């Protein structure tokens, strides 16, 4: 699924950037060699960041 249509960033790329240490949408864009354009995807990126943080929290318990 595409998260960012402007840059063609897919969900798996977002999750890979997060796994590599990205903790903000700006860092995800940087990891994908892109920049925010219309910024509609930022909310979706934040949602995925929250999901990944929650998954890590449960994994640590």
N, C-alpha and C. Protein backbone atom coordinates (compact mmCIF):
# COMPACT_ATOMS: atom_id res chain seq x y z
N UNK A 1 0.84 -1.17 0.00
CA UNK A 1 0.00 0.00 0.00
C UNK A 1 0.89 1.24 0.00
N UNK A 2 0.49 2.23 -0.79
CA UNK A 2 1.23 3.49 -0.80
C UNK A 2 0.81 4.35 0.38
N UNK A 3 1.80 4.87 1.07
CA UNK A 3 1.55 5.81 2.16
C UNK A 3 1.66 7.22 1.60
N UNK A 4 2.64 7.44 0.75
CA UNK A 4 2.86 8.76 0.15
C UNK A 4 2.77 8.62 -1.36
N UNK A 5 1.69 9.13 -1.92
CA UNK A 5 1.51 9.06 -3.37
C UNK A 5 2.44 10.02 -4.11
N UNK A 6 2.73 11.16 -3.53
CA UNK A 6 3.60 12.15 -4.18
C UNK A 6 5.00 11.59 -4.45
N UNK A 7 5.52 10.84 -3.49
CA UNK A 7 6.88 10.31 -3.59
C UNK A 7 6.91 8.81 -3.88
N UNK A 8 5.77 8.17 -3.93
CA UNK A 8 5.73 6.74 -4.19
C UNK A 8 6.30 5.90 -3.06
N UNK A 9 6.10 6.36 -1.82
CA UNK A 9 6.62 5.64 -0.65
C UNK A 9 5.57 4.64 -0.18
N UNK A 10 5.98 3.39 -0.10
CA UNK A 10 5.08 2.32 0.33
C UNK A 10 5.19 2.08 1.82
N UNK A 11 4.18 1.42 2.37
CA UNK A 11 4.15 1.14 3.80
C UNK A 11 5.38 0.35 4.23
N UNK A 12 5.81 -0.62 3.44
CA UNK A 12 6.98 -1.42 3.83
C UNK A 12 8.24 -0.56 3.91
N UNK A 13 8.33 0.49 3.07
CA UNK A 13 9.48 1.39 3.14
C UNK A 13 9.42 2.25 4.40
N UNK A 14 8.22 2.66 4.77
CA UNK A 14 8.04 3.42 6.01
C UNK A 14 8.45 2.57 7.20
N UNK A 15 7.97 1.33 7.24
CA UNK A 15 8.31 0.44 8.35
C UNK A 15 9.80 0.12 8.38
N UNK A 16 10.43 -0.01 7.23
CA UNK A 16 11.88 -0.25 7.17
C UNK A 16 12.64 0.95 7.70
N UNK A 17 12.19 2.16 7.37
CA UNK A 17 12.84 3.37 7.88
C UNK A 17 12.71 3.45 9.39
N UNK A 18 11.55 3.08 9.90
CA UNK A 18 11.33 3.09 11.35
C UNK A 18 12.23 2.06 12.01
N UNK A 19 12.32 0.87 11.42
CA UNK A 19 13.19 -0.17 11.97
C UNK A 19 14.65 0.26 11.96
N UNK A 20 15.01 1.12 11.01
CA UNK A 20 16.38 1.63 10.92
C UNK A 20 16.63 2.82 11.83
N UNK A 21 15.59 3.25 12.57
CA UNK A 21 15.80 4.30 13.55
C UNK A 21 15.00 5.57 13.37
N UNK A 22 14.24 5.69 12.30
CA UNK A 22 13.44 6.91 12.09
C UNK A 22 12.36 7.00 13.16
N UNK A 23 12.21 8.18 13.74
CA UNK A 23 11.21 8.35 14.79
C UNK A 23 10.27 9.52 14.51
N UNK A 24 10.43 10.15 13.36
CA UNK A 24 9.57 11.26 12.95
C UNK A 24 9.36 11.17 11.44
N UNK A 25 8.25 11.72 10.94
CA UNK A 25 8.02 11.68 9.50
C UNK A 25 9.17 12.29 8.69
N UNK A 26 9.77 13.35 9.17
CA UNK A 26 10.89 13.97 8.44
C UNK A 26 12.04 12.99 8.26
N UNK A 27 12.27 12.16 9.26
CA UNK A 27 13.34 11.16 9.17
C UNK A 27 12.97 10.04 8.20
N UNK A 28 11.68 9.73 8.13
CA UNK A 28 11.22 8.72 7.18
C UNK A 28 11.44 9.24 5.75
N UNK A 29 11.06 10.49 5.51
CA UNK A 29 11.30 11.07 4.18
C UNK A 29 12.78 11.04 3.84
N UNK A 30 13.63 11.40 4.78
CA UNK A 30 15.07 11.41 4.54
C UNK A 30 15.57 10.01 4.21
N UNK A 31 15.10 9.01 4.95
CA UNK A 31 15.51 7.62 4.71
C UNK A 31 15.07 7.14 3.33
N UNK A 32 13.99 7.71 2.82
CA UNK A 32 13.46 7.34 1.51
C UNK A 32 13.94 8.28 0.41
N UNK A 33 14.92 9.12 0.72
CA UNK A 33 15.46 10.10 -0.23
C UNK A 33 14.35 10.94 -0.87
N UNK A 34 13.44 11.42 -0.01
CA UNK A 34 12.30 12.21 -0.47
C UNK A 34 12.10 13.41 0.44
N UNK A 35 11.12 14.21 0.10
CA UNK A 35 10.73 15.35 0.93
C UNK A 35 9.22 15.47 0.89
N UNK A 36 8.66 15.98 1.97
CA UNK A 36 7.21 16.17 2.02
C UNK A 36 6.79 17.14 0.93
N UNK A 37 5.70 16.81 0.28
CA UNK A 37 5.17 17.70 -0.75
C UNK A 37 3.80 18.20 -0.31
N UNK A 38 2.78 17.38 -0.42
CA UNK A 38 1.45 17.85 0.00
C UNK A 38 1.22 17.57 1.48
N UNK A 39 2.00 16.68 2.07
CA UNK A 39 1.98 16.32 3.50
C UNK A 39 0.72 15.58 3.95
N UNK A 40 -0.10 15.11 3.03
CA UNK A 40 -1.26 14.31 3.43
C UNK A 40 -0.85 13.00 4.10
N UNK A 41 0.32 12.52 3.77
CA UNK A 41 0.78 11.23 4.28
C UNK A 41 1.34 11.31 5.71
N UNK A 42 1.61 12.50 6.19
CA UNK A 42 2.24 12.66 7.50
C UNK A 42 1.40 12.01 8.60
N UNK A 43 0.09 12.16 8.55
CA UNK A 43 -0.78 11.53 9.56
C UNK A 43 -0.67 10.02 9.50
N UNK A 44 -0.62 9.47 8.30
CA UNK A 44 -0.47 8.02 8.15
C UNK A 44 0.89 7.56 8.67
N UNK A 45 1.92 8.34 8.40
CA UNK A 45 3.25 7.99 8.90
C UNK A 45 3.27 8.01 10.43
N UNK A 46 2.63 9.00 11.02
CA UNK A 46 2.57 9.06 12.49
C UNK A 46 1.81 7.87 13.06
N UNK A 47 0.76 7.46 12.37
CA UNK A 47 -0.01 6.29 12.81
C UNK A 47 0.87 5.04 12.78
N UNK A 48 1.63 4.87 11.70
CA UNK A 48 2.53 3.71 11.60
C UNK A 48 3.61 3.79 12.67
N UNK A 49 4.13 4.98 12.92
CA UNK A 49 5.12 5.15 14.00
C UNK A 49 4.54 4.71 15.34
N UNK A 50 3.31 5.12 15.62
CA UNK A 50 2.64 4.72 16.86
C UNK A 50 2.46 3.21 16.94
N UNK A 51 2.05 2.60 15.82
CA UNK A 51 1.88 1.14 15.78
C UNK A 51 3.19 0.43 16.08
N UNK A 52 4.26 0.91 15.48
CA UNK A 52 5.57 0.28 15.69
C UNK A 52 6.05 0.45 17.13
N UNK A 53 5.83 1.63 17.70
CA UNK A 53 6.20 1.86 19.10
C UNK A 53 5.42 0.93 20.02
N UNK A 54 4.13 0.79 19.74
CA UNK A 54 3.28 -0.09 20.55
C UNK A 54 3.75 -1.54 20.44
N UNK A 55 4.10 -1.96 19.24
CA UNK A 55 4.59 -3.33 19.04
C UNK A 55 5.89 -3.56 19.81
N UNK A 56 6.77 -2.56 19.80
CA UNK A 56 8.02 -2.69 20.55
C UNK A 56 7.77 -2.72 22.05
N UNK A 57 6.80 -1.94 22.48
CA UNK A 57 6.48 -1.92 23.92
C UNK A 57 6.01 -3.28 24.38
N UNK A 58 5.15 -3.91 23.59
CA UNK A 58 4.66 -5.24 23.95
C UNK A 58 5.75 -6.29 23.85
N UNK A 59 6.65 -6.15 22.88
CA UNK A 59 7.74 -7.09 22.72
C UNK A 59 8.70 -7.01 23.91
N UNK A 60 8.81 -5.83 24.50
CA UNK A 60 9.75 -5.64 25.61
C UNK A 60 9.19 -6.19 26.92
N UNK A 61 7.91 -6.45 26.98
CA UNK A 61 7.30 -6.94 28.23
C UNK A 61 7.50 -8.42 28.40
